[in-house]
Amino acid sequence: MATKPYASGGAYINKMSNHCGDCAYDPKKRIGDDACPFTAGYWNFVHRHRDRLERNNRTRRSVSTMDRLSDLEAVLEREKHRTTF
């Protein structure tokens, strides 16, 4: 049984697996034509579930990290219009 829910961005997927090898997207980017959809999607998920995540000691850090993102509004706007991954 897991004690921490797993949702992650591209950088974590890249670090923990070999799935990003030939991918055209940059897992460290949130914005831009070559930004990883998993990275932007992760921050969109954290924003959407903020109330629940910030009440949990194991996931609170993700919310506080999100609050420090300077481009969060741009990330959320881009994700609102995403139709493909």
PDB file of N, CA and C in Angstrom:
ATOM      1  N   MET A   1       0.838  -1.171   0.000  1.00  0.00           N
ATOM      2  CA  MET A   1       0.000   0.000   0.000  1.00  0.00           C
ATOM      3  C   MET A   1       0.885   1.236   0.000  1.00  0.00           C
ATOM      4  N   ALA A   2       0.589   2.172  -0.850  1.00  0.00           N
ATOM      5  CA  ALA A   2       1.361   3.400  -0.944  1.00  0.00           C
ATOM      6  C   ALA A   2       0.836   4.436   0.044  1.00  0.00           C
ATOM      7  N   THR A   3       1.737   5.230   0.588  1.00  0.00           N
ATOM      8  CA  THR A   3       1.324   6.279   1.516  1.00  0.00           C
ATOM      9  C   THR A   3       1.362   7.651   0.858  1.00  0.00           C
ATOM     10  N   LYS A   4       1.876   7.738  -0.338  1.00  0.00           N
ATOM     11  CA  LYS A   4       1.966   9.011  -1.029  1.00  0.00           C
ATOM     12  C   LYS A   4       1.416   8.848  -2.441  1.00  0.00           C
ATOM     13  N   PRO A   5       0.453   9.659  -2.816  1.00  0.00           N
ATOM     14  CA  PRO A   5      -0.061   9.563  -4.187  1.00  0.00           C
ATOM     15  C   PRO A   5       1.005  10.034  -5.170  1.00  0.00           C
ATOM     16  N   TYR A   6       1.075   9.413  -6.306  1.00  0.00           N
ATOM     17  CA  TYR A   6       2.079   9.800  -7.277  1.00  0.00           C
ATOM     18  C   TYR A   6       1.469  10.490  -8.466  1.00  0.00           C
ATOM     19  N   ALA A   7       1.856  11.695  -8.647  1.00  0.00           N
ATOM     20  CA  ALA A   7       1.615  12.491  -9.834  1.00  0.00           C
ATOM     21  C   ALA A   7       2.952  13.180 -10.027  1.00  0.00           C
ATOM     22  N   SER A   8       3.422  13.259 -11.225  1.00  0.00           N
ATOM     23  CA  SER A   8       4.735  13.860 -11.401  1.00  0.00           C
ATOM     24  C   SER A   8       4.843  14.594 -12.720  1.00  0.00           C
ATOM     25  N   GLY A   9       5.822  15.458 -12.770  1.00  0.00           N
ATOM     26  CA  GLY A   9       6.131  16.179 -13.982  1.00  0.00           C
ATOM     27  C   GLY A   9       7.187  15.459 -14.794  1.00  0.00           C
ATOM     28  N   GLY A  10       7.514  16.043 -15.914  1.00  0.00           N
ATOM     29  CA  GLY A  10       8.458  15.436 -16.833  1.00  0.00           C
ATOM     30  C   GLY A  10       9.845  15.218 -16.258  1.00  0.00           C
ATOM     31  N   ALA A  11      10.336  16.125 -15.442  1.00  0.00           N
ATOM     32  CA  ALA A  11      11.684  15.975 -14.895  1.00  0.00           C
ATOM     33  C   ALA A  11      11.786  14.718 -14.030  1.00  0.00           C
ATOM     34  N   TYR A  12      10.755  14.438 -13.250  1.00  0.00           N
ATOM     35  CA  TYR A  12      10.757  13.241 -12.400  1.00  0.00           C
ATOM     36  C   TYR A  12      10.657  11.980 -13.266  1.00  0.00           C
ATOM     37  N   ILE A  13       9.805  12.014 -14.271  1.00  0.00           N
ATOM     38  CA  ILE A  13       9.683  10.869 -15.184  1.00  0.00           C
ATOM     39  C   ILE A  13      11.014  10.618 -15.871  1.00  0.00           C
ATOM     40  N   ASN A  14      11.661  11.680 -16.313  1.00  0.00           N
ATOM     41  CA  ASN A  14      12.960  11.563 -16.975  1.00  0.00           C
ATOM     42  C   ASN A  14      14.015  10.983 -16.034  1.00  0.00           C
ATOM     43  N   LYS A  15      14.005  11.434 -14.800  1.00  0.00           N
ATOM     44  CA  LYS A  15      14.996  10.983 -13.817  1.00  0.00           C
ATOM     45  C   LYS A  15      14.790   9.521 -13.423  1.00  0.00           C
ATOM     46  N   MET A  16      13.549   9.103 -13.290  1.00  0.00           N
ATOM     47  CA  MET A  16      13.248   7.788 -12.746  1.00  0.00           C
ATOM     48  C   MET A  16      12.978   6.718 -13.805  1.00  0.00           C
ATOM     49  N   SER A  17      13.025   7.079 -15.084  1.00  0.00           N
ATOM     50  CA  SER A  17      12.743   6.095 -16.121  1.00  0.00           C
ATOM     51  C   SER A  17      13.564   6.399 -17.372  1.00  0.00           C
ATOM     52  N   ASN A  18      13.348   5.613 -18.384  1.00  0.00           N
ATOM     53  CA  ASN A  18      14.007   5.867 -19.664  1.00  0.00           C
ATOM     54  C   ASN A  18      12.985   6.252 -20.736  1.00  0.00           C
ATOM     55  N   HIS A  19      11.818   6.713 -20.336  1.00  0.00           N
ATOM     56  CA  HIS A  19      10.749   7.035 -21.273  1.00  0.00           C
ATOM     57  C   HIS A  19      10.979   8.328 -22.049  1.00  0.00           C
ATOM     58  N   CYS A  20      11.867   9.177 -21.605  1.00  0.00           N
ATOM     59  CA  CYS A  20      12.050  10.480 -22.245  1.00  0.00           C
ATOM     60  C   CYS A  20      13.178  10.498 -23.280  1.00  0.00           C
ATOM     61  N   GLY A  21      13.860   9.400 -23.436  1.00  0.00           N
ATOM     62  CA  GLY A  21      15.048   9.341 -24.280  1.00  0.00           C
ATOM     63  C   GLY A  21      14.980  10.066 -25.610  1.00  0.00           C
ATOM     64  N   ASP A  22      14.064   9.682 -26.489  1.00  0.00           N
ATOM     65  CA  ASP A  22      13.974  10.275 -27.822  1.00  0.00           C
ATOM     66  C   ASP A  22      12.839  11.276 -27.949  1.00  0.00           C
ATOM     67  N   CYS A  23      12.272  11.677 -26.852  1.00  0.00           N
ATOM     68  CA  CYS A  23      11.128  12.586 -26.868  1.00  0.00           C
ATOM     69  C   CYS A  23      11.556  13.979 -27.338  1.00  0.00           C
ATOM     70  N   ALA A  24      10.693  14.611 -28.094  1.00  0.00           N
ATOM     71  CA  ALA A  24      10.974  15.954 -28.614  1.00  0.00           C
ATOM     72  C   ALA A  24      10.766  17.041 -27.565  1.00  0.00           C
ATOM     73  N   TYR A  25      10.130  16.695 -26.451  1.00  0.00           N
ATOM     74  CA  TYR A  25       9.837  17.681 -25.415  1.00  0.00           C
ATOM     75  C   TYR A  25      10.944  17.736 -24.366  1.00  0.00           C
ATOM     76  N   ASP A  26      11.139  18.923 -23.798  1.00  0.00           N
ATOM     77  CA  ASP A  26      12.121  19.123 -22.740  1.00  0.00           C
ATOM     78  C   ASP A  26      11.411  18.985 -21.396  1.00  0.00           C
ATOM     79  N   PRO A  27      11.733  17.954 -20.611  1.00  0.00           N
ATOM     80  CA  PRO A  27      11.007  17.720 -19.362  1.00  0.00           C
ATOM     81  C   PRO A  27      11.193  18.812 -18.308  1.00  0.00           C
ATOM     82  N   LYS A  28      12.149  19.696 -18.492  1.00  0.00           N
ATOM     83  CA  LYS A  28      12.366  20.768 -17.520  1.00  0.00           C
ATOM     84  C   LYS A  28      11.582  22.036 -17.851  1.00  0.00           C
ATOM     85  N   LYS A  29      10.972  22.080 -19.034  1.00  0.00           N
ATOM     86  CA  LYS A  29      10.246  23.280 -19.455  1.00  0.00           C
ATOM     87  C   LYS A  29       8.754  23.143 -19.202  1.00  0.00           C
ATOM     88  N   ARG A  30       8.157  24.262 -18.740  1.00  0.00           N
ATOM     89  CA  ARG A  30       6.717  24.315 -18.512  1.00  0.00           C
ATOM     90  C   ARG A  30       5.987  25.046 -19.626  1.00  0.00           C
ATOM     91  N   ILE A  31       6.679  25.951 -20.284  1.00  0.00           N
ATOM     92  CA  ILE A  31       6.089  26.807 -21.309  1.00  0.00           C
ATOM     93  C   ILE A  31       6.943  26.739 -22.568  1.00  0.00           C
ATOM     94  N   GLY A  32       6.300  26.822 -23.722  1.00  0.00           N
ATOM     95  CA  GLY A  32       7.007  26.838 -24.995  1.00  0.00           C
ATOM     96  C   GLY A  32       6.613  25.651 -25.858  1.00  0.00           C
ATOM     97  N   ASP A  33       6.982  25.718 -27.133  1.00  0.00           N
ATOM     98  CA  ASP A  33       6.613  24.656 -28.065  1.00  0.00           C
ATOM     99  C   ASP A  33       7.250  23.320 -27.718  1.00  0.00           C
ATOM    100  N   ASP A  34       8.416  23.358 -27.081  1.00  0.00           N
ATOM    101  CA  ASP A  34       9.089  22.108 -26.720  1.00  0.00           C
ATOM    102  C   ASP A  34       8.944  21.775 -25.233  1.00  0.00           C
ATOM    103  N   ALA A  35       7.987  22.427 -24.544  1.00  0.00           N
ATOM    104  CA  ALA A  35       7.745  22.153 -23.124  1.00  0.00           C
ATOM    105  C   ALA A  35       7.058  20.802 -22.967  1.00  0.00           C
ATOM    106  N   CYS A  36       7.443  20.075 -21.950  1.00  0.00           N
ATOM    107  CA  CYS A  36       6.884  18.749 -21.687  1.00  0.00           C
ATOM    108  C   CYS A  36       5.436  18.866 -21.204  1.00  0.00           C
ATOM    109  N   PRO A  37       4.504  18.182 -21.859  1.00  0.00           N
ATOM    110  CA  PRO A  37       3.116  18.255 -21.408  1.00  0.00           C
ATOM    111  C   PRO A  37       2.901  17.647 -20.022  1.00  0.00           C
ATOM    112  N   PHE A  38       3.747  16.724 -19.617  1.00  0.00           N
ATOM    113  CA  PHE A  38       3.615  16.154 -18.276  1.00  0.00           C
ATOM    114  C   PHE A  38       4.006  17.170 -17.203  1.00  0.00           C
ATOM    115  N   THR A  39       4.983  18.016 -17.496  1.00  0.00           N
ATOM    116  CA  THR A  39       5.407  19.027 -16.531  1.00  0.00           C
ATOM    117  C   THR A  39       4.305  20.054 -16.312  1.00  0.00           C
ATOM    118  N   ALA A  40       3.787  20.600 -17.400  1.00  0.00           N
ATOM    119  CA  ALA A  40       2.703  21.579 -17.280  1.00  0.00           C
ATOM    120  C   ALA A  40       1.451  20.918 -16.698  1.00  0.00           C
ATOM    121  N   GLY A  41       1.173  19.695 -17.107  1.00  0.00           N
ATOM    122  CA  GLY A  41       0.014  18.977 -16.601  1.00  0.00           C
ATOM    123  C   GLY A  41       0.100  18.721 -15.106  1.00  0.00           C
ATOM    124  N   TYR A  42       1.315  18.458 -14.626  1.00  0.00           N
ATOM    125  CA  TYR A  42       1.513  18.241 -13.192  1.00  0.00           C
ATOM    126  C   TYR A  42       1.132  19.495 -12.405  1.00  0.00           C
ATOM    127  N   TRP A  43       1.616  20.655 -12.844  1.00  0.00           N
ATOM    128  CA  TRP A  43       1.315  21.885 -12.113  1.00  0.00           C
ATOM    129  C   TRP A  43      -0.155  22.248 -12.230  1.00  0.00           C
ATOM    130  N   ASN A  44      -0.771  21.912 -13.341  1.00  0.00           N
ATOM    131  CA  ASN A  44      -2.208  22.118 -13.485  1.00  0.00           C
ATOM    132  C   ASN A  44      -2.971  21.227 -12.496  1.00  0.00           C
ATOM    133  N   PHE A  45      -2.524  19.991 -12.334  1.00  0.00           N
ATOM    134  CA  PHE A  45      -3.127  19.058 -11.381  1.00  0.00           C
ATOM    135  C   PHE A  45      -2.990  19.579  -9.949  1.00  0.00           C
ATOM    136  N   VAL A  46      -1.797  20.025  -9.596  1.00  0.00           N
ATOM    137  CA  VAL A  46      -1.565  20.544  -8.236  1.00  0.00           C
ATOM    138  C   VAL A  46      -2.462  21.761  -7.990  1.00  0.00           C
ATOM    139  N   HIS A  47      -2.563  22.629  -8.971  1.00  0.00           N
ATOM    140  CA  HIS A  47      -3.412  23.816  -8.824  1.00  0.00           C
ATOM    141  C   HIS A  47      -4.881  23.431  -8.669  1.00  0.00           C
ATOM    142  N   ARG A  48      -5.345  22.502  -9.483  1.00  0.00           N
ATOM    143  CA  ARG A  48      -6.738  22.074  -9.461  1.00  0.00           C
ATOM    144  C   ARG A  48      -7.119  21.409  -8.130  1.00  0.00           C
ATOM    145  N   HIS A  49      -6.173  20.707  -7.523  1.00  0.00           N
ATOM    146  CA  HIS A  49      -6.454  19.975  -6.275  1.00  0.00           C
ATOM    147  C   HIS A  49      -5.751  20.596  -5.063  1.00  0.00           C
ATOM    148  N   ARG A  50      -5.453  21.849  -5.167  1.00  0.00           N
ATOM    149  CA  ARG A  50      -4.714  22.568  -4.138  1.00  0.00           C
ATOM    150  C   ARG A  50      -5.278  22.373  -2.730  1.00  0.00           C
ATOM    151  N   ASP A  51      -6.592  22.539  -2.576  1.00  0.00           N
ATOM    152  CA  ASP A  51      -7.209  22.456  -1.240  1.00  0.00           C
ATOM    153  C   ASP A  51      -6.918  21.120  -0.570  1.00  0.00           C
ATOM    154  N   ARG A  52      -7.041  20.064  -1.308  1.00  0.00           N
ATOM    155  CA  ARG A  52      -6.810  18.732  -0.736  1.00  0.00           C
ATOM    156  C   ARG A  52      -5.319  18.487  -0.498  1.00  0.00           C
ATOM    157  N   LEU A  53      -4.481  18.887  -1.451  1.00  0.00           N
ATOM    158  CA  LEU A  53      -3.045  18.609  -1.348  1.00  0.00           C
ATOM    159  C   LEU A  53      -2.368  19.392  -0.226  1.00  0.00           C
ATOM    160  N   GLU A  54      -2.786  20.618   0.014  1.00  0.00           N
ATOM    161  CA  GLU A  54      -2.117  21.403   1.049  1.00  0.00           C
ATOM    162  C   GLU A  54      -2.505  20.983   2.458  1.00  0.00           C
ATOM    163  N   ARG A  55      -3.547  20.191   2.605  1.00  0.00           N
ATOM    164  CA  ARG A  55      -3.937  19.684   3.931  1.00  0.00           C
ATOM    165  C   ARG A  55      -3.176  18.413   4.317  1.00  0.00           C
ATOM    166  N   ASN A  56      -2.486  17.817   3.356  1.00  0.00           N
ATOM    167  CA  ASN A  56      -1.773  16.565   3.594  1.00  0.00           C
ATOM    168  C   ASN A  56      -0.284  16.855   3.778  1.00  0.00           C
ATOM    169  N   ASN A  57       0.295  16.373   4.866  1.00  0.00           N
ATOM    170  CA  ASN A  57       1.718  16.617   5.128  1.00  0.00           C
ATOM    171  C   ASN A  57       2.623  16.094   4.029  1.00  0.00           C
ATOM    172  N   ARG A  58       2.235  15.016   3.365  1.00  0.00           N
ATOM    173  CA  ARG A  58       3.082  14.413   2.336  1.00  0.00           C
ATOM    174  C   ARG A  58       3.028  15.174   1.013  1.00  0.00           C
ATOM    175  N   THR A  59       1.979  15.943   0.778  1.00  0.00           N
ATOM    176  CA  THR A  59       1.836  16.634  -0.509  1.00  0.00           C
ATOM    177  C   THR A  59       1.864  18.158  -0.388  1.00  0.00           C
ATOM    178  N   ARG A  60       1.955  18.661   0.813  1.00  0.00           N
ATOM    179  CA  ARG A  60       1.965  20.111   1.043  1.00  0.00           C
ATOM    180  C   ARG A  60       3.119  20.814   0.319  1.00  0.00           C
ATOM    181  N   ARG A  61       4.250  20.139   0.222  1.00  0.00           N
ATOM    182  CA  ARG A  61       5.425  20.745  -0.417  1.00  0.00           C
ATOM    183  C   ARG A  61       5.165  21.082  -1.890  1.00  0.00           C
ATOM    184  N   SER A  62       4.408  20.243  -2.579  1.00  0.00           N
ATOM    185  CA  SER A  62       4.094  20.516  -3.984  1.00  0.00           C
ATOM    186  C   SER A  62       3.330  21.819  -4.134  1.00  0.00           C
ATOM    187  N   VAL A  63       2.407  22.070  -3.225  1.00  0.00           N
ATOM    188  CA  VAL A  63       1.626  23.306  -3.273  1.00  0.00           C
ATOM    189  C   VAL A  63       2.521  24.511  -2.997  1.00  0.00           C
ATOM    190  N   SER A  64       3.389  24.411  -2.017  1.00  0.00           N
ATOM    191  CA  SER A  64       4.265  25.552  -1.712  1.00  0.00           C
ATOM    192  C   SER A  64       5.254  25.795  -2.850  1.00  0.00           C
ATOM    193  N   THR A  65       5.699  24.740  -3.514  1.00  0.00           N
ATOM    194  CA  THR A  65       6.570  24.910  -4.682  1.00  0.00           C
ATOM    195  C   THR A  65       5.794  25.582  -5.808  1.00  0.00           C
ATOM    196  N   MET A  66       4.569  25.162  -6.037  1.00  0.00           N
ATOM    197  CA  MET A  66       3.740  25.764  -7.074  1.00  0.00           C
ATOM    198  C   MET A  66       3.557  27.259  -6.815  1.00  0.00           C
ATOM    199  N   ASP A  67       3.385  27.634  -5.566  1.00  0.00           N
ATOM    200  CA  ASP A  67       3.184  29.045  -5.228  1.00  0.00           C
ATOM    201  C   ASP A  67       4.386  29.914  -5.585  1.00  0.00           C
ATOM    202  N   ARG A  68       5.551  29.311  -5.742  1.00  0.00           N
ATOM    203  CA  ARG A  68       6.752  30.074  -6.088  1.00  0.00           C
ATOM    204  C   ARG A  68       7.010  30.144  -7.596  1.00  0.00           C
ATOM    205  N   LEU A  69       6.215  29.467  -8.402  1.00  0.00           N
ATOM    206  CA  LEU A  69       6.423  29.487  -9.850  1.00  0.00           C
ATOM    207  C   LEU A  69       6.065  30.857 -10.416  1.00  0.00           C
ATOM    208  N   SER A  70       6.984  31.454 -11.116  1.00  0.00           N
ATOM    209  CA  SER A  70       6.738  32.786 -11.678  1.00  0.00           C
ATOM    210  C   SER A  70       5.855  32.733 -12.919  1.00  0.00           C
ATOM    211  N   ASP A  71       5.774  31.588 -13.566  1.00  0.00           N
ATOM    212  CA  ASP A  71       4.996  31.461 -14.794  1.00  0.00           C
ATOM    213  C   ASP A  71       3.733  30.618 -14.628  1.00  0.00           C
ATOM    214  N   LEU A  72       3.240  30.502 -13.415  1.00  0.00           N
ATOM    215  CA  LEU A  72       2.093  29.632 -13.158  1.00  0.00           C
ATOM    216  C   LEU A  72       0.873  30.028 -13.986  1.00  0.00           C
ATOM    217  N   GLU A  73       0.566  31.306 -14.066  1.00  0.00           N
ATOM    218  CA  GLU A  73      -0.615  31.734 -14.831  1.00  0.00           C
ATOM    219  C   GLU A  73      -0.501  31.327 -16.298  1.00  0.00           C
ATOM    220  N   ALA A  74       0.684  31.450 -16.868  1.00  0.00           N
ATOM    221  CA  ALA A  74       0.896  31.047 -18.264  1.00  0.00           C
ATOM    222  C   ALA A  74       0.747  29.530 -18.418  1.00  0.00           C
ATOM    223  N   VAL A  75       1.240  28.777 -17.460  1.00  0.00           N
ATOM    224  CA  VAL A  75       1.115  27.318 -17.491  1.00  0.00           C
ATOM    225  C   VAL A  75      -0.355  26.926 -17.442  1.00  0.00           C
ATOM    226  N   LEU A  76      -1.111  27.514 -16.540  1.00  0.00           N
ATOM    227  CA  LEU A  76      -2.527  27.185 -16.392  1.00  0.00           C
ATOM    228  C   LEU A  76      -3.319  27.574 -17.637  1.00  0.00           C
ATOM    229  N   GLU A  77      -2.993  28.693 -18.223  1.00  0.00           N
ATOM    230  CA  GLU A  77      -3.677  29.133 -19.440  1.00  0.00           C
ATOM    231  C   GLU A  77      -3.396  28.171 -20.589  1.00  0.00           C
ATOM    232  N   ARG A  78      -2.165  27.763 -20.723  1.00  0.00           N
ATOM    233  CA  ARG A  78      -1.808  26.821 -21.793  1.00  0.00           C
ATOM    234  C   ARG A  78      -2.503  25.473 -21.589  1.00  0.00           C
ATOM    235  N   GLU A  79      -2.548  25.008 -20.377  1.00  0.00           N
ATOM    236  CA  GLU A  79      -3.181  23.722 -20.097  1.00  0.00           C
ATOM    237  C   GLU A  79      -4.692  23.764 -20.318  1.00  0.00           C
ATOM    238  N   LYS A  80      -5.284  24.932 -20.127  1.00  0.00           N
ATOM    239  CA  LYS A  80      -6.719  25.071 -20.339  1.00  0.00           C
ATOM    240  C   LYS A  80      -7.091  24.765 -21.790  1.00  0.00           C
ATOM    241  N   HIS A  81      -6.169  25.035 -22.699  1.00  0.00           N
ATOM    242  CA  HIS A  81      -6.435  24.865 -24.124  1.00  0.00           C
ATOM    243  C   HIS A  81      -5.783  23.613 -24.724  1.00  0.00           C
ATOM    244  N   ARG A  82      -5.113  22.813 -23.920  1.00  0.00           N
ATOM    245  CA  ARG A  82      -4.437  21.614 -24.447  1.00  0.00           C
ATOM    246  C   ARG A  82      -5.463  20.592 -24.912  1.00  0.00           C
ATOM    247  N   THR A  83      -5.229  20.066 -26.113  1.00  0.00           N
ATOM    248  CA  THR A  83      -6.125  19.030 -26.637  1.00  0.00           C
ATOM    249  C   THR A  83      -5.368  17.733 -26.931  1.00  0.00           C
ATOM    250  N   THR A  84      -4.035  17.809 -27.005  1.00  0.00           N
ATOM    251  CA  THR A  84      -3.232  16.616 -27.277  1.00  0.00           C
ATOM    252  C   THR A  84      -2.041  16.554 -26.336  1.00  0.00           C
ATOM    253  N   PHE A  85      -1.449  15.371 -26.243  1.00  0.00           N
ATOM    254  CA  PHE A  85      -0.273  15.178 -25.400  1.00  0.00           C
ATOM    255  C   PHE A  85       0.827  14.552 -26.204  1.00  0.00           C
TER     256      PHE A  85
END
